[in-house]
Amino acid sequence: AEQLFQEYVQHQGDPFGLPGFSPPRLPVAGLS
């Protein structure tokens, strides 16, 4: 799961991999 998360971030481009990037915490239907 950690490897997946890191790889996901790597493929999204800026600003996802930038230090301090804090994305909005979108609600996910059916899961918190």
mmCIF file of all heavy atoms, coordinates in Angstrom:
data_MODEL
# 
_entry.id   MODEL 
# 
loop_
_atom_site.group_PDB 
_atom_site.id 
_atom_site.type_symbol 
_atom_site.label_atom_id 
_atom_site.label_alt_id 
_atom_site.label_comp_id 
_atom_site.label_asym_id 
_atom_site.label_entity_id 
_atom_site.label_seq_id 
_atom_site.pdbx_PDB_ins_code 
_atom_site.Cartn_x 
_atom_site.Cartn_y 
_atom_site.Cartn_z 
_atom_site.occupancy 
_atom_site.B_iso_or_equiv 
_atom_site.pdbx_formal_charge 
_atom_site.auth_seq_id 
_atom_site.auth_comp_id 
_atom_site.auth_asym_id 
_atom_site.auth_atom_id 
_atom_site.pdbx_PDB_model_num 
ATOM 1   N N   . ALA A 1 1  ? 0.835   -1.207 0.000   1.00 0.00 ? 1  ALA A N   1 
ATOM 2   C CA  . ALA A 1 1  ? 0.000   0.000  0.000   1.00 0.00 ? 1  ALA A CA  1 
ATOM 3   C C   . ALA A 1 1  ? 0.868   1.255  0.000   1.00 0.00 ? 1  ALA A C   1 
ATOM 4   O O   . ALA A 1 1  ? 0.552   2.240  -0.679  1.00 0.00 ? 1  ALA A O   1 
ATOM 5   C CB  . ALA A 1 1  ? -0.934  0.000  1.207   1.00 0.00 ? 1  ALA A CB  1 
ATOM 6   N N   . GLU A 1 2  ? 1.959   1.218  0.719   1.00 0.00 ? 2  GLU A N   1 
ATOM 7   C CA  . GLU A 1 2  ? 2.887   2.359  0.733   1.00 0.00 ? 2  GLU A CA  1 
ATOM 8   C C   . GLU A 1 2  ? 3.523   2.537  -0.647  1.00 0.00 ? 2  GLU A C   1 
ATOM 9   O O   . GLU A 1 2  ? 3.647   3.662  -1.142  1.00 0.00 ? 2  GLU A O   1 
ATOM 10  C CB  . GLU A 1 2  ? 3.964   2.160  1.801   1.00 0.00 ? 2  GLU A CB  1 
ATOM 11  C CG  . GLU A 1 2  ? 4.913   3.327  1.935   1.00 0.00 ? 2  GLU A CG  1 
ATOM 12  C CD  . GLU A 1 2  ? 4.220   4.636  2.323   1.00 0.00 ? 2  GLU A CD  1 
ATOM 13  O OE1 . GLU A 1 2  ? 3.299   4.620  3.157   1.00 0.00 ? 2  GLU A OE1 1 
ATOM 14  O OE2 . GLU A 1 2  ? 4.601   5.684  1.764   1.00 0.00 ? 2  GLU A OE2 1 
ATOM 15  N N   . GLN A 1 3  ? 3.923   1.441  -1.272  1.00 0.00 ? 3  GLN A N   1 
ATOM 16  C CA  . GLN A 1 3  ? 4.504   1.519  -2.613  1.00 0.00 ? 3  GLN A CA  1 
ATOM 17  C C   . GLN A 1 3  ? 3.494   2.074  -3.616  1.00 0.00 ? 3  GLN A C   1 
ATOM 18  O O   . GLN A 1 3  ? 3.842   2.909  -4.457  1.00 0.00 ? 3  GLN A O   1 
ATOM 19  C CB  . GLN A 1 3  ? 4.974   0.137  -3.070  1.00 0.00 ? 3  GLN A CB  1 
ATOM 20  C CG  . GLN A 1 3  ? 6.182   -0.377 -2.337  1.00 0.00 ? 3  GLN A CG  1 
ATOM 21  C CD  . GLN A 1 3  ? 6.487   -1.840 -2.660  1.00 0.00 ? 3  GLN A CD  1 
ATOM 22  O OE1 . GLN A 1 3  ? 5.700   -2.534 -3.307  1.00 0.00 ? 3  GLN A OE1 1 
ATOM 23  N NE2 . GLN A 1 3  ? 7.635   -2.306 -2.200  1.00 0.00 ? 3  GLN A NE2 1 
ATOM 24  N N   . LEU A 1 4  ? 2.244   1.628  -3.525  1.00 0.00 ? 4  LEU A N   1 
ATOM 25  C CA  . LEU A 1 4  ? 1.202   2.129  -4.409  1.00 0.00 ? 4  LEU A CA  1 
ATOM 26  C C   . LEU A 1 4  ? 1.018   3.630  -4.217  1.00 0.00 ? 4  LEU A C   1 
ATOM 27  O O   . LEU A 1 4  ? 0.963   4.385  -5.185  1.00 0.00 ? 4  LEU A O   1 
ATOM 28  C CB  . LEU A 1 4  ? -0.129  1.413  -4.158  1.00 0.00 ? 4  LEU A CB  1 
ATOM 29  C CG  . LEU A 1 4  ? -1.356  2.014  -4.864  1.00 0.00 ? 4  LEU A CG  1 
ATOM 30  C CD1 . LEU A 1 4  ? -1.214  1.948  -6.387  1.00 0.00 ? 4  LEU A CD1 1 
ATOM 31  C CD2 . LEU A 1 4  ? -2.632  1.331  -4.407  1.00 0.00 ? 4  LEU A CD2 1 
ATOM 32  N N   . PHE A 1 5  ? 0.952   4.072  -2.971  1.00 0.00 ? 5  PHE A N   1 
ATOM 33  C CA  . PHE A 1 5  ? 0.762   5.498  -2.691  1.00 0.00 ? 5  PHE A CA  1 
ATOM 34  C C   . PHE A 1 5  ? 1.903   6.322  -3.293  1.00 0.00 ? 5  PHE A C   1 
ATOM 35  O O   . PHE A 1 5  ? 1.662   7.335  -3.952  1.00 0.00 ? 5  PHE A O   1 
ATOM 36  C CB  . PHE A 1 5  ? 0.663   5.730  -1.177  1.00 0.00 ? 5  PHE A CB  1 
ATOM 37  C CG  . PHE A 1 5  ? 0.392   7.156  -0.821  1.00 0.00 ? 5  PHE A CG  1 
ATOM 38  C CD1 . PHE A 1 5  ? -0.892  7.668  -0.883  1.00 0.00 ? 5  PHE A CD1 1 
ATOM 39  C CD2 . PHE A 1 5  ? 1.421   7.997  -0.429  1.00 0.00 ? 5  PHE A CD2 1 
ATOM 40  C CE1 . PHE A 1 5  ? -1.149  8.993  -0.573  1.00 0.00 ? 5  PHE A CE1 1 
ATOM 41  C CE2 . PHE A 1 5  ? 1.180   9.323  -0.114  1.00 0.00 ? 5  PHE A CE2 1 
ATOM 42  C CZ  . PHE A 1 5  ? -0.116  9.824  -0.180  1.00 0.00 ? 5  PHE A CZ  1 
ATOM 43  N N   . GLN A 1 6  ? 3.137   5.878  -3.075  1.00 0.00 ? 6  GLN A N   1 
ATOM 44  C CA  . GLN A 1 6  ? 4.299   6.609  -3.595  1.00 0.00 ? 6  GLN A CA  1 
ATOM 45  C C   . GLN A 1 6  ? 4.277   6.646  -5.127  1.00 0.00 ? 6  GLN A C   1 
ATOM 46  O O   . GLN A 1 6  ? 4.547   7.682  -5.732  1.00 0.00 ? 6  GLN A O   1 
ATOM 47  C CB  . GLN A 1 6  ? 5.605   5.984  -3.097  1.00 0.00 ? 6  GLN A CB  1 
ATOM 48  C CG  . GLN A 1 6  ? 5.809   6.085  -1.596  1.00 0.00 ? 6  GLN A CG  1 
ATOM 49  C CD  . GLN A 1 6  ? 5.762   7.503  -1.080  1.00 0.00 ? 6  GLN A CD  1 
ATOM 50  O OE1 . GLN A 1 6  ? 6.207   8.449  -1.725  1.00 0.00 ? 6  GLN A OE1 1 
ATOM 51  N NE2 . GLN A 1 6  ? 5.190   7.671  0.100   1.00 0.00 ? 6  GLN A NE2 1 
ATOM 52  N N   . GLU A 1 7  ? 3.963   5.528  -5.744  1.00 0.00 ? 7  GLU A N   1 
ATOM 53  C CA  . GLU A 1 7  ? 3.923   5.492  -7.201  1.00 0.00 ? 7  GLU A CA  1 
ATOM 54  C C   . GLU A 1 7  ? 2.784   6.354  -7.741  1.00 0.00 ? 7  GLU A C   1 
ATOM 55  O O   . GLU A 1 7  ? 2.942   7.039  -8.753  1.00 0.00 ? 7  GLU A O   1 
ATOM 56  C CB  . GLU A 1 7  ? 3.790   4.059  -7.715  1.00 0.00 ? 7  GLU A CB  1 
ATOM 57  C CG  . GLU A 1 7  ? 3.888   4.009  -9.223  1.00 0.00 ? 7  GLU A CG  1 
ATOM 58  C CD  . GLU A 1 7  ? 4.279   2.658  -9.771  1.00 0.00 ? 7  GLU A CD  1 
ATOM 59  O OE1 . GLU A 1 7  ? 4.581   1.740  -8.986  1.00 0.00 ? 7  GLU A OE1 1 
ATOM 60  O OE2 . GLU A 1 7  ? 4.283   2.524  -11.009 1.00 0.00 ? 7  GLU A OE2 1 
ATOM 61  N N   . TYR A 1 8  ? 1.667   6.331  -7.064  1.00 0.00 ? 8  TYR A N   1 
ATOM 62  C CA  . TYR A 1 8  ? 0.540   7.164  -7.494  1.00 0.00 ? 8  TYR A CA  1 
ATOM 63  C C   . TYR A 1 8  ? 0.961   8.642  -7.494  1.00 0.00 ? 8  TYR A C   1 
ATOM 64  O O   . TYR A 1 8  ? 0.752   9.352  -8.475  1.00 0.00 ? 8  TYR A O   1 
ATOM 65  C CB  . TYR A 1 8  ? -0.681  6.956  -6.583  1.00 0.00 ? 8  TYR A CB  1 
ATOM 66  C CG  . TYR A 1 8  ? -1.863  7.753  -7.064  1.00 0.00 ? 8  TYR A CG  1 
ATOM 67  C CD1 . TYR A 1 8  ? -2.737  7.235  -8.009  1.00 0.00 ? 8  TYR A CD1 1 
ATOM 68  C CD2 . TYR A 1 8  ? -2.080  9.053  -6.616  1.00 0.00 ? 8  TYR A CD2 1 
ATOM 69  C CE1 . TYR A 1 8  ? -3.801  7.980  -8.504  1.00 0.00 ? 8  TYR A CE1 1 
ATOM 70  C CE2 . TYR A 1 8  ? -3.130  9.812  -7.100  1.00 0.00 ? 8  TYR A CE2 1 
ATOM 71  C CZ  . TYR A 1 8  ? -3.985  9.271  -8.039  1.00 0.00 ? 8  TYR A CZ  1 
ATOM 72  O OH  . TYR A 1 8  ? -5.025  10.022 -8.525  1.00 0.00 ? 8  TYR A OH  1 
ATOM 73  N N   . VAL A 1 9  ? 1.543   9.093  -6.401  1.00 0.00 ? 9  VAL A N   1 
ATOM 74  C CA  . VAL A 1 9  ? 1.986   10.492 -6.290  1.00 0.00 ? 9  VAL A CA  1 
ATOM 75  C C   . VAL A 1 9  ? 2.980   10.818 -7.399  1.00 0.00 ? 9  VAL A C   1 
ATOM 76  O O   . VAL A 1 9  ? 2.878   11.866 -8.048  1.00 0.00 ? 9  VAL A O   1 
ATOM 77  C CB  . VAL A 1 9  ? 2.604   10.766 -4.897  1.00 0.00 ? 9  VAL A CB  1 
ATOM 78  C CG1 . VAL A 1 9  ? 3.321   12.104 -4.855  1.00 0.00 ? 9  VAL A CG1 1 
ATOM 79  C CG2 . VAL A 1 9  ? 1.520   10.699 -3.818  1.00 0.00 ? 9  VAL A CG2 1 
ATOM 80  N N   . GLN A 1 10 ? 3.910   9.929  -7.653  1.00 0.00 ? 10 GLN A N   1 
ATOM 81  C CA  . GLN A 1 10 ? 4.944   10.139 -8.670  1.00 0.00 ? 10 GLN A CA  1 
ATOM 82  C C   . GLN A 1 10 ? 4.345   10.390 -10.053 1.00 0.00 ? 10 GLN A C   1 
ATOM 83  O O   . GLN A 1 10 ? 4.850   11.212 -10.808 1.00 0.00 ? 10 GLN A O   1 
ATOM 84  C CB  . GLN A 1 10 ? 5.865   8.910  -8.697  1.00 0.00 ? 10 GLN A CB  1 
ATOM 85  C CG  . GLN A 1 10 ? 6.887   8.903  -9.794  1.00 0.00 ? 10 GLN A CG  1 
ATOM 86  C CD  . GLN A 1 10 ? 7.579   7.548  -9.886  1.00 0.00 ? 10 GLN A CD  1 
ATOM 87  O OE1 . GLN A 1 10 ? 7.528   6.745  -8.958  1.00 0.00 ? 10 GLN A OE1 1 
ATOM 88  N NE2 . GLN A 1 10 ? 8.209   7.285  -11.003 1.00 0.00 ? 10 GLN A NE2 1 
ATOM 89  N N   . HIS A 1 11 ? 3.236   9.727  -10.365 1.00 0.00 ? 11 HIS A N   1 
ATOM 90  C CA  . HIS A 1 11 ? 2.643   9.839  -11.705 1.00 0.00 ? 11 HIS A CA  1 
ATOM 91  C C   . HIS A 1 11 ? 1.670   11.011 -11.866 1.00 0.00 ? 11 HIS A C   1 
ATOM 92  O O   . HIS A 1 11 ? 1.175   11.233 -12.966 1.00 0.00 ? 11 HIS A O   1 
ATOM 93  C CB  . HIS A 1 11 ? 1.940   8.537  -12.089 1.00 0.00 ? 11 HIS A CB  1 
ATOM 94  C CG  . HIS A 1 11 ? 2.892   7.464  -12.497 1.00 0.00 ? 11 HIS A CG  1 
ATOM 95  N ND1 . HIS A 1 11 ? 3.525   7.452  -13.727 1.00 0.00 ? 11 HIS A ND1 1 
ATOM 96  C CD2 . HIS A 1 11 ? 3.338   6.373  -11.830 1.00 0.00 ? 11 HIS A CD2 1 
ATOM 97  C CE1 . HIS A 1 11 ? 4.317   6.396  -13.790 1.00 0.00 ? 11 HIS A CE1 1 
ATOM 98  N NE2 . HIS A 1 11 ? 4.214   5.729  -12.657 1.00 0.00 ? 11 HIS A NE2 1 
ATOM 99  N N   . GLN A 1 12 ? 1.406   11.754 -10.801 1.00 0.00 ? 12 GLN A N   1 
ATOM 100 C CA  . GLN A 1 12 ? 0.412   12.822 -10.899 1.00 0.00 ? 12 GLN A CA  1 
ATOM 101 C C   . GLN A 1 12 ? 1.019   14.175 -11.272 1.00 0.00 ? 12 GLN A C   1 
ATOM 102 O O   . GLN A 1 12 ? 0.295   15.087 -11.631 1.00 0.00 ? 12 GLN A O   1 
ATOM 103 C CB  . GLN A 1 12 ? -0.377  12.943 -9.587  1.00 0.00 ? 12 GLN A CB  1 
ATOM 104 C CG  . GLN A 1 12 ? -1.081  11.675 -9.172  1.00 0.00 ? 12 GLN A CG  1 
ATOM 105 C CD  . GLN A 1 12 ? -1.772  10.949 -10.315 1.00 0.00 ? 12 GLN A CD  1 
ATOM 106 O OE1 . GLN A 1 12 ? -2.632  11.497 -10.988 1.00 0.00 ? 12 GLN A OE1 1 
ATOM 107 N NE2 . GLN A 1 12 ? -1.387  9.690  -10.537 1.00 0.00 ? 12 GLN A NE2 1 
ATOM 108 N N   . GLY A 1 13 ? 2.332   14.283 -11.190 1.00 0.00 ? 13 GLY A N   1 
ATOM 109 C CA  . GLY A 1 13 ? 2.963   15.557 -11.553 1.00 0.00 ? 13 GLY A CA  1 
ATOM 110 C C   . GLY A 1 13 ? 2.769   16.600 -10.466 1.00 0.00 ? 13 GLY A C   1 
ATOM 111 O O   . GLY A 1 13 ? 2.216   16.337 -9.407  1.00 0.00 ? 13 GLY A O   1 
ATOM 112 N N   . ASP A 1 14 ? 3.223   17.827 -10.765 1.00 0.00 ? 14 ASP A N   1 
ATOM 113 C CA  . ASP A 1 14 ? 3.098   18.915 -9.791  1.00 0.00 ? 14 ASP A CA  1 
ATOM 114 C C   . ASP A 1 14 ? 1.640   19.317 -9.675  1.00 0.00 ? 14 ASP A C   1 
ATOM 115 O O   . ASP A 1 14 ? 0.905   19.273 -10.667 1.00 0.00 ? 14 ASP A O   1 
ATOM 116 C CB  . ASP A 1 14 ? 3.943   20.114 -10.223 1.00 0.00 ? 14 ASP A CB  1 
ATOM 117 C CG  . ASP A 1 14 ? 5.438   19.831 -10.086 1.00 0.00 ? 14 ASP A CG  1 
ATOM 118 O OD1 . ASP A 1 14 ? 5.781   18.881 -9.357  1.00 0.00 ? 14 ASP A OD1 1 
ATOM 119 O OD2 . ASP A 1 14 ? 6.236   20.560 -10.683 1.00 0.00 ? 14 ASP A OD2 1 
ATOM 120 N N   . PRO A 1 15 ? 1.189   19.683 -8.553  1.00 0.00 ? 15 PRO A N   1 
ATOM 121 C CA  . PRO A 1 15 ? 1.877   19.913 -7.277  1.00 0.00 ? 15 PRO A CA  1 
ATOM 122 C C   . PRO A 1 15 ? 1.915   18.694 -6.355  1.00 0.00 ? 15 PRO A C   1 
ATOM 123 O O   . PRO A 1 15 ? 2.343   18.798 -5.219  1.00 0.00 ? 15 PRO A O   1 
ATOM 124 C CB  . PRO A 1 15 ? 1.030   21.019 -6.642  1.00 0.00 ? 15 PRO A CB  1 
ATOM 125 C CG  . PRO A 1 15 ? -0.364  20.687 -7.080  1.00 0.00 ? 15 PRO A CG  1 
ATOM 126 C CD  . PRO A 1 15 ? -0.210  20.129 -8.483  1.00 0.00 ? 15 PRO A CD  1 
ATOM 127 N N   . PHE A 1 16 ? 1.457   17.519 -6.823  1.00 0.00 ? 16 PHE A N   1 
ATOM 128 C CA  . PHE A 1 16 ? 1.288   16.357 -5.945  1.00 0.00 ? 16 PHE A CA  1 
ATOM 129 C C   . PHE A 1 16 ? 2.564   15.903 -5.256  1.00 0.00 ? 16 PHE A C   1 
ATOM 130 O O   . PHE A 1 16 ? 2.519   15.485 -4.114  1.00 0.00 ? 16 PHE A O   1 
ATOM 131 C CB  . PHE A 1 16 ? 0.638   15.196 -6.712  1.00 0.00 ? 16 PHE A CB  1 
ATOM 132 C CG  . PHE A 1 16 ? -0.798  15.446 -7.008  1.00 0.00 ? 16 PHE A CG  1 
ATOM 133 C CD1 . PHE A 1 16 ? -1.180  16.167 -8.134  1.00 0.00 ? 16 PHE A CD1 1 
ATOM 134 C CD2 . PHE A 1 16 ? -1.783  14.990 -6.166  1.00 0.00 ? 16 PHE A CD2 1 
ATOM 135 C CE1 . PHE A 1 16 ? -2.513  16.414 -8.406  1.00 0.00 ? 16 PHE A CE1 1 
ATOM 136 C CE2 . PHE A 1 16 ? -3.124  15.228 -6.423  1.00 0.00 ? 16 PHE A CE2 1 
ATOM 137 C CZ  . PHE A 1 16 ? -3.484  15.950 -7.547  1.00 0.00 ? 16 PHE A CZ  1 
ATOM 138 N N   . GLY A 1 17 ? 3.679   15.977 -5.920  1.00 0.00 ? 17 GLY A N   1 
ATOM 139 C CA  . GLY A 1 17 ? 4.917   15.502 -5.317  1.00 0.00 ? 17 GLY A CA  1 
ATOM 140 C C   . GLY A 1 17 ? 5.700   16.576 -4.588  1.00 0.00 ? 17 GLY A C   1 
ATOM 141 O O   . GLY A 1 17 ? 6.754   16.292 -4.017  1.00 0.00 ? 17 GLY A O   1 
ATOM 142 N N   . LEU A 1 18 ? 5.208   17.796 -4.572  1.00 0.00 ? 18 LEU A N   1 
ATOM 143 C CA  . LEU A 1 18 ? 5.944   18.893 -3.941  1.00 0.00 ? 18 LEU A CA  1 
ATOM 144 C C   . LEU A 1 18 ? 5.827   18.839 -2.426  1.00 0.00 ? 18 LEU A C   1 
ATOM 145 O O   . LEU A 1 18 ? 4.751   18.537 -1.890  1.00 0.00 ? 18 LEU A O   1 
ATOM 146 C CB  . LEU A 1 18 ? 5.419   20.243 -4.446  1.00 0.00 ? 18 LEU A CB  1 
ATOM 147 C CG  . LEU A 1 18 ? 5.593   20.507 -5.940  1.00 0.00 ? 18 LEU A CG  1 
ATOM 148 C CD1 . LEU A 1 18 ? 4.941   21.837 -6.319  1.00 0.00 ? 18 LEU A CD1 1 
ATOM 149 C CD2 . LEU A 1 18 ? 7.067   20.507 -6.312  1.00 0.00 ? 18 LEU A CD2 1 
ATOM 150 N N   . PRO A 1 19 ? 6.941   19.145 -1.730  1.00 0.00 ? 19 PRO A N   1 
ATOM 151 C CA  . PRO A 1 19 ? 6.874   19.175 -0.258  1.00 0.00 ? 19 PRO A CA  1 
ATOM 152 C C   . PRO A 1 19 ? 5.851   20.221 0.185   1.00 0.00 ? 19 PRO A C   1 
ATOM 153 O O   . PRO A 1 19 ? 5.744   21.294 -0.383  1.00 0.00 ? 19 PRO A O   1 
ATOM 154 C CB  . PRO A 1 19 ? 8.285   19.589 0.170   1.00 0.00 ? 19 PRO A CB  1 
ATOM 155 C CG  . PRO A 1 19 ? 9.144   19.464 -1.036  1.00 0.00 ? 19 PRO A CG  1 
ATOM 156 C CD  . PRO A 1 19 ? 8.255   19.495 -2.239  1.00 0.00 ? 19 PRO A CD  1 
ATOM 157 N N   . GLY A 1 20 ? 5.089   19.890 1.172   1.00 0.00 ? 20 GLY A N   1 
ATOM 158 C CA  . GLY A 1 20 ? 4.115   20.816 1.715   1.00 0.00 ? 20 GLY A CA  1 
ATOM 159 C C   . GLY A 1 20 ? 2.789   20.860 0.973   1.00 0.00 ? 20 GLY A C   1 
ATOM 160 O O   . GLY A 1 20 ? 1.870   21.573 1.387   1.00 0.00 ? 20 GLY A O   1 
ATOM 161 N N   . PHE A 1 21 ? 2.674   20.112 -0.128  1.00 0.00 ? 21 PHE A N   1 
ATOM 162 C CA  . PHE A 1 21 ? 1.407   20.104 -0.856  1.00 0.00 ? 21 PHE A CA  1 
ATOM 163 C C   . PHE A 1 21 ? 0.346   19.434 0.004   1.00 0.00 ? 21 PHE A C   1 
ATOM 164 O O   . PHE A 1 21 ? 0.533   18.326 0.500   1.00 0.00 ? 21 PHE A O   1 
ATOM 165 C CB  . PHE A 1 21 ? 1.536   19.373 -2.193  1.00 0.00 ? 21 PHE A CB  1 
ATOM 166 C CG  . PHE A 1 21 ? 0.223   19.175 -2.896  1.00 0.00 ? 21 PHE A CG  1 
ATOM 167 C CD1 . PHE A 1 21 ? -0.525  20.266 -3.332  1.00 0.00 ? 21 PHE A CD1 1 
ATOM 168 C CD2 . PHE A 1 21 ? -0.279  17.901 -3.123  1.00 0.00 ? 21 PHE A CD2 1 
ATOM 169 C CE1 . PHE A 1 21 ? -1.745  20.080 -3.979  1.00 0.00 ? 21 PHE A CE1 1 
ATOM 170 C CE2 . PHE A 1 21 ? -1.484  17.710 -3.771  1.00 0.00 ? 21 PHE A CE2 1 
ATOM 171 C CZ  . PHE A 1 21 ? -2.224  18.811 -4.210  1.00 0.00 ? 21 PHE A CZ  1 
ATOM 172 N N   . SER A 1 22 ? -0.732  20.123 0.210   1.00 0.00 ? 22 SER A N   1 
ATOM 173 C CA  . SER A 1 22 ? -1.830  19.601 1.014   1.00 0.00 ? 22 SER A CA  1 
ATOM 174 C C   . SER A 1 22 ? -3.103  19.648 0.176   1.00 0.00 ? 22 SER A C   1 
ATOM 175 O O   . SER A 1 22 ? -3.752  20.693 0.090   1.00 0.00 ? 22 SER A O   1 
ATOM 176 C CB  . SER A 1 22 ? -1.985  20.442 2.283   1.00 0.00 ? 22 SER A CB  1 
ATOM 177 O OG  . SER A 1 22 ? -3.015  19.922 3.075   1.00 0.00 ? 22 SER A OG  1 
ATOM 178 N N   . PRO A 1 23 ? -3.455  18.530 -0.449  1.00 0.00 ? 23 PRO A N   1 
ATOM 179 C CA  . PRO A 1 23 ? -4.639  18.520 -1.316  1.00 0.00 ? 23 PRO A CA  1 
ATOM 180 C C   . PRO A 1 23 ? -5.911  18.656 -0.494  1.00 0.00 ? 23 PRO A C   1 
ATOM 181 O O   . PRO A 1 23 ? -5.932  18.327 0.688   1.00 0.00 ? 23 PRO A O   1 
ATOM 182 C CB  . PRO A 1 23 ? -4.574  17.152 -1.985  1.00 0.00 ? 23 PRO A CB  1 
ATOM 183 C CG  . PRO A 1 23 ? -3.848  16.302 -1.009  1.00 0.00 ? 23 PRO A CG  1 
ATOM 184 C CD  . PRO A 1 23 ? -2.856  17.206 -0.327  1.00 0.00 ? 23 PRO A CD  1 
ATOM 185 N N   . PRO A 1 24 ? -6.962  19.126 -1.121  1.00 0.00 ? 24 PRO A N   1 
ATOM 186 C CA  . PRO A 1 24 ? -8.241  19.161 -0.402  1.00 0.00 ? 24 PRO A CA  1 
ATOM 187 C C   . PRO A 1 24 ? -8.661  17.728 -0.053  1.00 0.00 ? 24 PRO A C   1 
ATOM 188 O O   . PRO A 1 24 ? -8.422  16.808 -0.816  1.00 0.00 ? 24 PRO A O   1 
ATOM 189 C CB  . PRO A 1 24 ? -9.205  19.788 -1.411  1.00 0.00 ? 24 PRO A CB  1 
ATOM 190 C CG  . PRO A 1 24 ? -8.536  19.681 -2.739  1.00 0.00 ? 24 PRO A CG  1 
ATOM 191 C CD  . PRO A 1 24 ? -7.066  19.579 -2.498  1.00 0.00 ? 24 PRO A CD  1 
ATOM 192 N N   . ARG A 1 25 ? -9.245  17.568 1.122   1.00 0.00 ? 25 ARG A N   1 
ATOM 193 C CA  . ARG A 1 25 ? -9.675  16.230 1.558   1.00 0.00 ? 25 ARG A CA  1 
ATOM 194 C C   . ARG A 1 25 ? -11.097 15.981 1.081   1.00 0.00 ? 25 ARG A C   1 
ATOM 195 O O   . ARG A 1 25 ? -12.048 16.234 1.796   1.00 0.00 ? 25 ARG A O   1 
ATOM 196 C CB  . ARG A 1 25 ? -9.562  16.099 3.067   1.00 0.00 ? 25 ARG A CB  1 
ATOM 197 C CG  . ARG A 1 25 ? -8.111  16.050 3.519   1.00 0.00 ? 25 ARG A CG  1 
ATOM 198 C CD  . ARG A 1 25 ? -7.978  15.834 5.005   1.00 0.00 ? 25 ARG A CD  1 
ATOM 199 N NE  . ARG A 1 25 ? -8.420  14.549 5.477   1.00 0.00 ? 25 ARG A NE  1 
ATOM 200 C CZ  . ARG A 1 25 ? -7.674  13.449 5.548   1.00 0.00 ? 25 ARG A CZ  1 
ATOM 201 N NH1 . ARG A 1 25 ? -6.440  13.470 5.120   1.00 0.00 ? 25 ARG A NH1 1 
ATOM 202 N NH2 . ARG A 1 25 ? -8.164  12.348 6.048   1.00 0.00 ? 25 ARG A NH2 1 
ATOM 203 N N   . LEU A 1 26 ? -11.178 15.518 -0.147  1.00 0.00 ? 26 LEU A N   1 
ATOM 204 C CA  . LEU A 1 26 ? -12.483 15.214 -0.720  1.00 0.00 ? 26 LEU A CA  1 
ATOM 205 C C   . LEU A 1 26 ? -13.125 14.060 0.035   1.00 0.00 ? 26 LEU A C   1 
ATOM 206 O O   . LEU A 1 26 ? -12.461 13.080 0.364   1.00 0.00 ? 26 LEU A O   1 
ATOM 207 C CB  . LEU A 1 26 ? -12.339 14.791 -2.183  1.00 0.00 ? 26 LEU A CB  1 
ATOM 208 C CG  . LEU A 1 26 ? -11.882 15.822 -3.190  1.00 0.00 ? 26 LEU A CG  1 
ATOM 209 C CD1 . LEU A 1 26 ? -11.746 15.179 -4.570  1.00 0.00 ? 26 LEU A CD1 1 
ATOM 210 C CD2 . LEU A 1 26 ? -12.863 16.971 -3.256  1.00 0.00 ? 26 LEU A CD2 1 
ATOM 211 N N   . PRO A 1 27 ? -14.431 14.160 0.284   1.00 0.00 ? 27 PRO A N   1 
ATOM 212 C CA  . PRO A 1 27 ? -15.104 12.990 0.858   1.00 0.00 ? 27 PRO A CA  1 
ATOM 213 C C   . PRO A 1 27 ? -15.185 11.896 -0.196  1.00 0.00 ? 27 PRO A C   1 
ATOM 214 O O   . PRO A 1 27 ? -15.317 12.180 -1.378  1.00 0.00 ? 27 PRO A O   1 
ATOM 215 C CB  . PRO A 1 27 ? -16.493 13.525 1.231   1.00 0.00 ? 27 PRO A CB  1 
ATOM 216 C CG  . PRO A 1 27 ? -16.682 14.737 0.388   1.00 0.00 ? 27 PRO A CG  1 
ATOM 217 C CD  . PRO A 1 27 ? -15.315 15.284 0.066   1.00 0.00 ? 27 PRO A CD  1 
ATOM 218 N N   . VAL A 1 28 ? -15.069 10.676 0.252   1.00 0.00 ? 28 VAL A N   1 
ATOM 219 C CA  . VAL A 1 28 ? -15.173 9.522  -0.638  1.00 0.00 ? 28 VAL A CA  1 
ATOM 220 C C   . VAL A 1 28 ? -16.440 8.775  -0.248  1.00 0.00 ? 28 VAL A C   1 
ATOM 221 O O   . VAL A 1 28 ? -16.588 8.359  0.903   1.00 0.00 ? 28 VAL A O   1 
ATOM 222 C CB  . VAL A 1 28 ? -13.922 8.612  -0.517  1.00 0.00 ? 28 VAL A CB  1 
ATOM 223 C CG1 . VAL A 1 28 ? -14.089 7.359  -1.335  1.00 0.00 ? 28 VAL A CG1 1 
ATOM 224 C CG2 . VAL A 1 28 ? -12.668 9.367  -0.921  1.00 0.00 ? 28 VAL A CG2 1 
ATOM 225 N N   . ALA A 1 29 ? -17.336 8.629  -1.204  1.00 0.00 ? 29 ALA A N   1 
ATOM 226 C CA  . ALA A 1 29 ? -18.624 7.977  -0.933  1.00 0.00 ? 29 ALA A CA  1 
ATOM 227 C C   . ALA A 1 29 ? -18.421 6.581  -0.363  1.00 0.00 ? 29 ALA A C   1 
ATOM 228 O O   . ALA A 1 29 ? -17.722 5.762  -0.944  1.00 0.00 ? 29 ALA A O   1 
ATOM 229 C CB  . ALA A 1 29 ? -19.443 7.908  -2.214  1.00 0.00 ? 29 ALA A CB  1 
ATOM 230 N N   . GLY A 1 30 ? -19.014 6.328  0.804   1.00 0.00 ? 30 GLY A N   1 
ATOM 231 C CA  . GLY A 1 30 ? -18.987 4.993  1.382   1.00 0.00 ? 30 GLY A CA  1 
ATOM 232 C C   . GLY A 1 30 ? -17.766 4.650  2.210   1.00 0.00 ? 30 GLY A C   1 
ATOM 233 O O   . GLY A 1 30 ? -17.670 3.548  2.715   1.00 0.00 ? 30 GLY A O   1 
ATOM 234 N N   . LEU A 1 31 ? -16.835 5.604  2.384   1.00 0.00 ? 31 LEU A N   1 
ATOM 235 C CA  . LEU A 1 31 ? -15.618 5.276  3.122   1.00 0.00 ? 31 LEU A CA  1 
ATOM 236 C C   . LEU A 1 31 ? -15.005 6.532  3.718   1.00 0.00 ? 31 LEU A C   1 
ATOM 237 O O   . LEU A 1 31 ? -14.942 7.569  3.073   1.00 0.00 ? 31 LEU A O   1 
ATOM 238 C CB  . LEU A 1 31 ? -14.602 4.592  2.191   1.00 0.00 ? 31 LEU A CB  1 
ATOM 239 C CG  . LEU A 1 31 ? -13.352 4.027  2.843   1.00 0.00 ? 31 LEU A CG  1 
ATOM 240 C CD1 . LEU A 1 31 ? -13.691 2.912  3.834   1.00 0.00 ? 31 LEU A CD1 1 
ATOM 241 C CD2 . LEU A 1 31 ? -12.405 3.480  1.779   1.00 0.00 ? 31 LEU A CD2 1 
ATOM 242 N N   . SER A 1 32 ? -14.549 6.405  4.947   1.00 0.00 ? 32 SER A N   1 
ATOM 243 C CA  . SER A 1 32 ? -13.805 7.486  5.587   1.00 0.00 ? 32 SER A CA  1 
ATOM 244 C C   . SER A 1 32 ? -12.588 6.864  6.269   1.00 0.00 ? 32 SER A C   1 
ATOM 245 O O   . SER A 1 32 ? -12.454 5.645  6.333   1.00 0.00 ? 32 SER A O   1 
ATOM 246 C CB  . SER A 1 32 ? -14.685 8.221  6.607   1.00 0.00 ? 32 SER A CB  1 
ATOM 247 O OG  . SER A 1 32 ? -15.136 7.322  7.596   1.00 0.00 ? 32 SER A OG  1 
# 
